């Protein structure tokens, strides 16, 4: 799964089971060859991950090792940060297509494989905006609330089969997206970070390590949770 520019980097060594691009211009086969990761068009109703050659090779390799967890970091987009009364249908459709529909369809195709094999771990990418309201980012916040609802619902459906579904909800992360959210000014960024009890942004690696933990056997009884990695912002 490719991450949008400015979002936390993917966990080292994580295998990606699905991918989504708003314009969908890339050929999935080319993406596999160029990156070594498996990308698939989740909008294709005929998609069967289990029958894709690259997926089958990865599946067999991990089955030889005794298990096959699937780790997932979903695309994230916040296109128009402006007051609710200035929001548009286009911004709503673009944001929900990536953040919500992309999540739903990825879950659909991945859980088909994992339910059949009786194991698996999915980690969705949420945000603190999925747990609180954010003035000026109403559409983005609504989309992340939806991601957290999908995560809990999918966890309930997968639990009896040994499939775990969780979400990581980052607070501010030291990326381009934070710079953009702060209006591109150091003063704006400092003012925002002053609202974080830890008084700093997370590093991309701190988000990645949380994802690694959730995907591991150390978290094998942890499912249906939205883990805030936010320097205690949502604890206020």
C-alpha atoms as a PDB file:
ATOM      1  CA  UNK A   1       0.000   0.000   0.000  1.00  0.00           C
ATOM      2  CA  UNK A   2       1.469   3.339  -0.965  1.00  0.00           C
ATOM      3  CA  UNK A   3       1.155   6.199   1.482  1.00  0.00           C
ATOM      4  CA  UNK A   4       0.248   9.688   0.381  1.00  0.00           C
ATOM      5  CA  UNK A   5       3.121  12.222   0.518  1.00  0.00           C
ATOM      6  CA  UNK A   6       3.604  13.637   3.984  1.00  0.00           C
ATOM      7  CA  UNK A   7       2.137  10.726   5.889  1.00  0.00           C
ATOM      8  CA  UNK A   8       4.040   8.390   8.218  1.00  0.00           C
ATOM      9  CA  UNK A   9       6.387   6.006   6.432  1.00  0.00           C
ATOM     10  CA  UNK A  10       5.468   2.372   6.151  1.00  0.00           C
ATOM     11  CA  UNK A  11       6.826  -0.107   8.644  1.00  0.00           C
ATOM     12  CA  UNK A  12      10.197  -1.564   7.596  1.00  0.00           C
ATOM     13  CA  UNK A  13       9.728  -4.821   5.712  1.00  0.00           C
ATOM     14  CA  UNK A  14       5.934  -4.636   5.733  1.00  0.00           C
ATOM     15  CA  UNK A  15       4.204  -6.356   2.843  1.00  0.00           C
ATOM     16  CA  UNK A  16       1.360  -4.422   1.281  1.00  0.00           C
ATOM     17  CA  UNK A  17      -1.663  -6.343   0.121  1.00  0.00           C
ATOM     18  CA  UNK A  18      -3.537  -3.615  -1.678  1.00  0.00           C
ATOM     19  CA  UNK A  19      -3.201  -0.143  -3.131  1.00  0.00           C
ATOM     20  CA  UNK A  20      -5.326   2.775  -4.253  1.00  0.00           C
ATOM     21  CA  UNK A  21      -4.595   5.881  -6.270  1.00  0.00           C
ATOM     22  CA  UNK A  22      -7.211   8.587  -6.688  1.00  0.00           C
ATOM     23  CA  UNK A  23      -6.487   8.734 -10.433  1.00  0.00           C
ATOM     24  CA  UNK A  24      -5.509   5.063 -10.759  1.00  0.00           C
ATOM     25  CA  UNK A  25      -2.991   5.665 -13.534  1.00  0.00           C
ATOM     26  CA  UNK A  26      -0.398   3.077 -12.512  1.00  0.00           C
ATOM     27  CA  UNK A  27      -0.391  -0.444 -13.833  1.00  0.00           C
ATOM     28  CA  UNK A  28      -0.423  -2.832 -10.840  1.00  0.00           C
ATOM     29  CA  UNK A  29       1.974  -5.217 -12.604  1.00  0.00           C
ATOM     30  CA  UNK A  30       4.454  -2.373 -13.144  1.00  0.00           C
ATOM     31  CA  UNK A  31       4.130  -1.366  -9.491  1.00  0.00           C
ATOM     32  CA  UNK A  32       4.982  -4.883  -8.370  1.00  0.00           C
ATOM     33  CA  UNK A  33       8.080  -4.971 -10.534  1.00  0.00           C
ATOM     34  CA  UNK A  34       9.295  -1.512  -9.542  1.00  0.00           C
ATOM     35  CA  UNK A  35       8.792  -1.657  -5.768  1.00  0.00           C
ATOM     36  CA  UNK A  36       8.738  -5.284  -4.766  1.00  0.00           C
ATOM     37  CA  UNK A  37       5.373  -4.701  -3.096  1.00  0.00           C
ATOM     38  CA  UNK A  38       2.045  -5.992  -4.270  1.00  0.00           C
ATOM     39  CA  UNK A  39      -0.409  -3.338  -5.397  1.00  0.00           C
ATOM     40  CA  UNK A  40      -3.906  -4.132  -6.594  1.00  0.00           C
ATOM     41  CA  UNK A  41      -6.869  -2.102  -7.791  1.00  0.00           C
ATOM     42  CA  UNK A  42      -9.365  -2.677  -4.965  1.00  0.00           C
ATOM     43  CA  UNK A  43     -12.097  -1.082  -7.097  1.00  0.00           C
ATOM     44  CA  UNK A  44     -11.968  -4.112  -9.389  1.00  0.00           C
ATOM     45  CA  UNK A  45     -14.900  -6.292  -8.274  1.00  0.00           C
ATOM     46  CA  UNK A  46     -13.275  -9.336  -9.891  1.00  0.00           C
ATOM     47  CA  UNK A  47     -10.114  -8.931  -7.802  1.00  0.00           C
ATOM     48  CA  UNK A  48      -8.965 -12.145  -6.126  1.00  0.00           C
ATOM     49  CA  UNK A  49      -5.770 -11.541  -4.162  1.00  0.00           C
ATOM     50  CA  UNK A  50      -5.227 -15.242  -3.667  1.00  0.00           C
ATOM     51  CA  UNK A  51      -4.921 -15.741  -7.433  1.00  0.00           C
ATOM     52  CA  UNK A  52      -2.427 -12.947  -8.061  1.00  0.00           C
ATOM     53  CA  UNK A  53       1.019 -14.478  -8.810  1.00  0.00           C
ATOM     54  CA  UNK A  54       2.968 -12.010  -6.636  1.00  0.00           C
ATOM     55  CA  UNK A  55       0.575 -12.545  -3.741  1.00  0.00           C
ATOM     56  CA  UNK A  56       0.739 -16.303  -4.143  1.00  0.00           C
ATOM     57  CA  UNK A  57       4.560 -16.243  -4.017  1.00  0.00           C
ATOM     58  CA  UNK A  58       4.582 -14.144  -0.834  1.00  0.00           C
ATOM     59  CA  UNK A  59       1.829 -16.317   0.616  1.00  0.00           C
ATOM     60  CA  UNK A  60       3.803 -19.529   0.050  1.00  0.00           C
ATOM     61  CA  UNK A  61       7.004 -18.034   1.487  1.00  0.00           C
ATOM     62  CA  UNK A  62       5.282 -16.994   4.694  1.00  0.00           C
ATOM     63  CA  UNK A  63       3.271 -20.209   4.911  1.00  0.00           C
ATOM     64  CA  UNK A  64       6.577 -22.094   4.819  1.00  0.00           C
ATOM     65  CA  UNK A  65       7.472 -20.101   7.928  1.00  0.00           C
ATOM     66  CA  UNK A  66       4.240 -21.118   9.618  1.00  0.00           C
ATOM     67  CA  UNK A  67       2.132 -17.963   9.408  1.00  0.00           C
ATOM     68  CA  UNK A  68       0.913 -15.285   7.043  1.00  0.00           C
ATOM     69  CA  UNK A  69       0.016 -11.944   8.643  1.00  0.00           C
ATOM     70  CA  UNK A  70      -1.118  -9.185   6.318  1.00  0.00           C
ATOM     71  CA  UNK A  71      -0.126  -5.662   7.301  1.00  0.00           C
ATOM     72  CA  UNK A  72      -1.863  -2.687   5.846  1.00  0.00           C
ATOM     73  CA  UNK A  73      -1.252   1.039   5.867  1.00  0.00           C
ATOM     74  CA  UNK A  74      -3.948   2.851   3.965  1.00  0.00           C
ATOM     75  CA  UNK A  75      -3.753   5.971   1.872  1.00  0.00           C
ATOM     76  CA  UNK A  76      -4.501   9.205   3.626  1.00  0.00           C
ATOM     77  CA  UNK A  77      -5.615  12.490   2.116  1.00  0.00           C
ATOM     78  CA  UNK A  78      -6.742  15.875   3.423  1.00  0.00           C
ATOM     79  CA  UNK A  79      -7.362  18.037   0.390  1.00  0.00           C
ATOM     80  CA  UNK A  80      -9.185  21.160   1.570  1.00  0.00           C
ATOM     81  CA  UNK A  81      -8.610  22.482   5.067  1.00  0.00           C
ATOM     82  CA  UNK A  82     -11.213  25.233   5.332  1.00  0.00           C
ATOM     83  CA  UNK A  83     -14.365  26.036   7.353  1.00  0.00           C
ATOM     84  CA  UNK A  84     -17.341  23.709   6.981  1.00  0.00           C
ATOM     85  CA  UNK A  85     -19.437  26.389   5.246  1.00  0.00           C
ATOM     86  CA  UNK A  86     -16.805  26.517   2.490  1.00  0.00           C
ATOM     87  CA  UNK A  87     -16.640  22.771   1.881  1.00  0.00           C
ATOM     88  CA  UNK A  88     -17.569  21.360  -1.514  1.00  0.00           C
ATOM     89  CA  UNK A  89     -19.060  18.170  -2.873  1.00  0.00           C
ATOM     90  CA  UNK A  90     -15.833  17.580  -4.807  1.00  0.00           C
ATOM     91  CA  UNK A  91     -13.699  17.725  -1.659  1.00  0.00           C
ATOM     92  CA  UNK A  92     -16.088  15.373   0.148  1.00  0.00           C
ATOM     93  CA  UNK A  93     -16.047  12.876  -2.722  1.00  0.00           C
ATOM     94  CA  UNK A  94     -12.262  12.983  -3.135  1.00  0.00           C
ATOM     95  CA  UNK A  95     -11.581  12.617   0.592  1.00  0.00           C
ATOM     96  CA  UNK A  96     -14.091   9.841   1.202  1.00  0.00           C
ATOM     97  CA  UNK A  97     -13.061   7.967  -1.953  1.00  0.00           C
ATOM     98  CA  UNK A  98      -9.521   7.609  -0.641  1.00  0.00           C
ATOM     99  CA  UNK A  99      -9.928   7.491   3.132  1.00  0.00           C
ATOM    100  CA  UNK A 100     -13.213   5.588   3.482  1.00  0.00           C
ATOM    101  CA  UNK A 101     -14.023   3.701   0.295  1.00  0.00           C
ATOM    102  CA  UNK A 102     -10.365   2.764  -0.141  1.00  0.00           C
ATOM    103  CA  UNK A 103     -10.371   1.352   3.391  1.00  0.00           C
ATOM    104  CA  UNK A 104     -13.654  -0.508   2.904  1.00  0.00           C
ATOM    105  CA  UNK A 105     -12.610  -2.185  -0.340  1.00  0.00           C
ATOM    106  CA  UNK A 106      -9.150  -3.073   0.954  1.00  0.00           C
ATOM    107  CA  UNK A 107     -10.722  -4.714   3.987  1.00  0.00           C
ATOM    108  CA  UNK A 108     -13.171  -6.560   1.752  1.00  0.00           C
ATOM    109  CA  UNK A 109     -10.520  -8.146  -0.440  1.00  0.00           C
ATOM    110  CA  UNK A 110      -7.976  -8.834   2.292  1.00  0.00           C
ATOM    111  CA  UNK A 111     -10.449 -10.364   4.714  1.00  0.00           C
ATOM    112  CA  UNK A 112     -11.606 -12.799   2.037  1.00  0.00           C
ATOM    113  CA  UNK A 113      -8.116 -14.292   2.088  1.00  0.00           C
ATOM    114  CA  UNK A 114      -7.524 -14.079   5.833  1.00  0.00           C
ATOM    115  CA  UNK A 115     -10.886 -15.524   6.887  1.00  0.00           C
ATOM    116  CA  UNK A 116     -10.226 -18.516   4.659  1.00  0.00           C
ATOM    117  CA  UNK A 117      -6.750 -19.100   6.122  1.00  0.00           C
ATOM    118  CA  UNK A 118      -7.905 -18.493   9.695  1.00  0.00           C
ATOM    119  CA  UNK A 119      -5.373 -15.822  10.624  1.00  0.00           C
ATOM    120  CA  UNK A 120      -4.164 -12.345   9.770  1.00  0.00           C
ATOM    121  CA  UNK A 121      -3.585  -8.833  11.036  1.00  0.00           C
ATOM    122  CA  UNK A 122      -4.781  -5.635   9.378  1.00  0.00           C
ATOM    123  CA  UNK A 123      -3.717  -2.185  10.521  1.00  0.00           C
ATOM    124  CA  UNK A 124      -5.682   0.742   9.124  1.00  0.00           C
ATOM    125  CA  UNK A 125      -4.436   4.315   9.166  1.00  0.00           C
ATOM    126  CA  UNK A 126      -6.704   6.644  11.100  1.00  0.00           C
ATOM    127  CA  UNK A 127      -5.887   9.931  12.853  1.00  0.00           C
ATOM    128  CA  UNK A 128      -6.647  11.814  16.039  1.00  0.00           C
ATOM    129  CA  UNK A 129      -9.220  13.450  13.766  1.00  0.00           C
ATOM    130  CA  UNK A 130     -11.108  10.141  14.009  1.00  0.00           C
ATOM    131  CA  UNK A 131     -11.479  10.608  17.764  1.00  0.00           C
ATOM    132  CA  UNK A 132     -12.067  14.346  18.163  1.00  0.00           C
ATOM    133  CA  UNK A 133     -13.453  17.191  16.088  1.00  0.00           C
ATOM    134  CA  UNK A 134     -11.057  19.511  14.273  1.00  0.00           C
ATOM    135  CA  UNK A 135     -12.181  22.988  13.260  1.00  0.00           C
ATOM    136  CA  UNK A 136     -11.358  23.637   9.627  1.00  0.00           C
ATOM    137  CA  UNK A 137     -11.036  19.937   8.795  1.00  0.00           C
ATOM    138  CA  UNK A 138     -14.611  18.693   9.096  1.00  0.00           C
ATOM    139  CA  UNK A 139     -14.603  16.450   6.014  1.00  0.00           C
ATOM    140  CA  UNK A 140     -11.253  14.906   6.896  1.00  0.00           C
ATOM    141  CA  UNK A 141     -12.400  14.313  10.494  1.00  0.00           C
ATOM    142  CA  UNK A 142     -15.638  12.717   9.293  1.00  0.00           C
ATOM    143  CA  UNK A 143     -13.680  10.372   7.020  1.00  0.00           C
ATOM    144  CA  UNK A 144     -11.412   9.265   9.853  1.00  0.00           C
ATOM    145  CA  UNK A 145     -14.366   8.671  12.183  1.00  0.00           C
ATOM    146  CA  UNK A 146     -15.659   6.377   9.432  1.00  0.00           C
ATOM    147  CA  UNK A 147     -12.320   4.533   9.284  1.00  0.00           C
ATOM    148  CA  UNK A 148     -12.506   3.848  13.014  1.00  0.00           C
ATOM    149  CA  UNK A 149     -16.063   2.526  12.672  1.00  0.00           C
ATOM    150  CA  UNK A 150     -15.007   0.231   9.834  1.00  0.00           C
ATOM    151  CA  UNK A 151     -12.072  -0.988  11.910  1.00  0.00           C
ATOM    152  CA  UNK A 152     -14.279  -1.972  14.859  1.00  0.00           C
ATOM    153  CA  UNK A 153     -16.904  -3.619  12.653  1.00  0.00           C
ATOM    154  CA  UNK A 154     -14.315  -5.613  10.691  1.00  0.00           C
ATOM    155  CA  UNK A 155     -12.693  -6.715  13.967  1.00  0.00           C
ATOM    156  CA  UNK A 156     -16.008  -8.125  15.183  1.00  0.00           C
ATOM    157  CA  UNK A 157     -16.447 -10.071  11.943  1.00  0.00           C
ATOM    158  CA  UNK A 158     -12.901 -11.426  11.967  1.00  0.00           C
ATOM    159  CA  UNK A 159     -12.352 -12.236  15.644  1.00  0.00           C
ATOM    160  CA  UNK A 160     -13.810 -15.738  15.680  1.00  0.00           C
ATOM    161  CA  UNK A 161     -11.609 -16.694  12.704  1.00  0.00           C
ATOM    162  CA  UNK A 162      -8.425 -15.339  14.290  1.00  0.00           C
ATOM    163  CA  UNK A 163      -8.251 -12.247  12.089  1.00  0.00           C
ATOM    164  CA  UNK A 164      -7.288  -9.070  13.926  1.00  0.00           C
ATOM    165  CA  UNK A 165      -8.159  -5.564  12.736  1.00  0.00           C
ATOM    166  CA  UNK A 166      -6.826  -2.434  14.425  1.00  0.00           C
ATOM    167  CA  UNK A 167      -6.100   1.152  13.487  1.00  0.00           C
ATOM    168  CA  UNK A 168      -3.282   3.532  14.318  1.00  0.00           C
ATOM    169  CA  UNK A 169      -4.391   7.111  14.935  1.00  0.00           C
ATOM    170  CA  UNK A 170      -1.395   9.457  14.746  1.00  0.00           C
ATOM    171  CA  UNK A 171      -1.388  12.954  16.139  1.00  0.00           C
ATOM    172  CA  UNK A 172       0.933  15.472  14.485  1.00  0.00           C
ATOM    173  CA  UNK A 173       3.812  13.775  12.688  1.00  0.00           C
ATOM    174  CA  UNK A 174       6.939  15.559  11.491  1.00  0.00           C
ATOM    175  CA  UNK A 175       6.060  15.454   7.785  1.00  0.00           C
ATOM    176  CA  UNK A 176       5.017  17.772   4.986  1.00  0.00           C
ATOM    177  CA  UNK A 177       1.371  17.293   5.943  1.00  0.00           C
ATOM    178  CA  UNK A 178       2.022  18.890   9.349  1.00  0.00           C
ATOM    179  CA  UNK A 179       3.702  21.840   7.641  1.00  0.00           C
ATOM    180  CA  UNK A 180       0.697  22.225   5.349  1.00  0.00           C
ATOM    181  CA  UNK A 181      -1.782  21.930   8.227  1.00  0.00           C
ATOM    182  CA  UNK A 182       0.120  24.639  10.109  1.00  0.00           C
ATOM    183  CA  UNK A 183      -0.146  26.992   7.144  1.00  0.00           C
ATOM    184  CA  UNK A 184       3.479  26.614   6.132  1.00  0.00           C
ATOM    185  CA  UNK A 185       4.806  28.808   8.938  1.00  0.00           C
ATOM    186  CA  UNK A 186       7.056  27.859  11.838  1.00  0.00           C
ATOM    187  CA  UNK A 187       4.985  30.091  14.099  1.00  0.00           C
ATOM    188  CA  UNK A 188       1.797  28.255  13.161  1.00  0.00           C
ATOM    189  CA  UNK A 189       3.471  24.890  13.706  1.00  0.00           C
ATOM    190  CA  UNK A 190       4.836  25.933  17.110  1.00  0.00           C
ATOM    191  CA  UNK A 191       1.385  27.134  18.139  1.00  0.00           C
ATOM    192  CA  UNK A 192      -0.178  23.824  17.166  1.00  0.00           C
ATOM    193  CA  UNK A 193       2.478  21.729  18.891  1.00  0.00           C
ATOM    194  CA  UNK A 194       1.960  23.794  22.042  1.00  0.00           C
ATOM    195  CA  UNK A 195      -1.477  22.132  22.305  1.00  0.00           C
ATOM    196  CA  UNK A 196       0.183  18.692  22.480  1.00  0.00           C
ATOM    197  CA  UNK A 197       1.056  17.685  26.072  1.00  0.00           C
ATOM    198  CA  UNK A 198       4.322  16.117  24.830  1.00  0.00           C
ATOM    199  CA  UNK A 199       5.143  19.466  23.159  1.00  0.00           C
ATOM    200  CA  UNK A 200       6.432  17.877  19.977  1.00  0.00           C
ATOM    201  CA  UNK A 201       5.381  15.982  16.888  1.00  0.00           C
ATOM    202  CA  UNK A 202       5.878  12.249  16.515  1.00  0.00           C
ATOM    203  CA  UNK A 203       8.543  10.948  14.176  1.00  0.00           C
ATOM    204  CA  UNK A 204       7.503   8.707  11.273  1.00  0.00           C
ATOM    205  CA  UNK A 205       9.479   5.884  12.881  1.00  0.00           C
ATOM    206  CA  UNK A 206       7.406   6.129  16.076  1.00  0.00           C
ATOM    207  CA  UNK A 207       4.260   5.562  14.026  1.00  0.00           C
ATOM    208  CA  UNK A 208       5.911   2.733  12.085  1.00  0.00           C
ATOM    209  CA  UNK A 209       7.000   0.959  15.274  1.00  0.00           C
ATOM    210  CA  UNK A 210       3.431   1.038  16.577  1.00  0.00           C
ATOM    211  CA  UNK A 211       2.291  -0.603  13.340  1.00  0.00           C
ATOM    212  CA  UNK A 212       5.042  -3.244  13.656  1.00  0.00           C
ATOM    213  CA  UNK A 213       3.858  -4.070  17.185  1.00  0.00           C
ATOM    214  CA  UNK A 214       0.203  -4.382  16.143  1.00  0.00           C
ATOM    215  CA  UNK A 215       1.176  -6.694  13.288  1.00  0.00           C
ATOM    216  CA  UNK A 216       3.255  -8.932  15.553  1.00  0.00           C
ATOM    217  CA  UNK A 217       2.313 -11.928  17.691  1.00  0.00           C
ATOM    218  CA  UNK A 218       2.955  -9.785  20.774  1.00  0.00           C
ATOM    219  CA  UNK A 219      -0.429  -8.181  20.060  1.00  0.00           C
ATOM    220  CA  UNK A 220      -2.273 -11.380  19.170  1.00  0.00           C
ATOM    221  CA  UNK A 221      -5.158 -10.665  21.610  1.00  0.00           C
ATOM    222  CA  UNK A 222      -5.457  -7.025  20.599  1.00  0.00           C
ATOM    223  CA  UNK A 223      -8.176  -6.342  18.045  1.00  0.00           C
ATOM    224  CA  UNK A 224     -10.871  -3.769  17.343  1.00  0.00           C
ATOM    225  CA  UNK A 225      -8.770  -0.958  18.797  1.00  0.00           C
ATOM    226  CA  UNK A 226      -7.905   2.488  17.499  1.00  0.00           C
ATOM    227  CA  UNK A 227      -4.507   3.283  18.992  1.00  0.00           C
ATOM    228  CA  UNK A 228      -3.805   7.002  19.380  1.00  0.00           C
ATOM    229  CA  UNK A 229      -0.110   7.839  19.004  1.00  0.00           C
ATOM    230  CA  UNK A 230      -0.494  11.480  19.869  1.00  0.00           C
ATOM    231  CA  UNK A 231       1.625  12.616  22.793  1.00  0.00           C
ATOM    232  CA  UNK A 232      -1.476  12.527  25.061  1.00  0.00           C
ATOM    233  CA  UNK A 233      -3.496  14.961  22.911  1.00  0.00           C
ATOM    234  CA  UNK A 234      -6.719  12.942  23.094  1.00  0.00           C
ATOM    235  CA  UNK A 235      -6.247  12.323  26.841  1.00  0.00           C
ATOM    236  CA  UNK A 236      -7.029  15.961  27.597  1.00  0.00           C
END
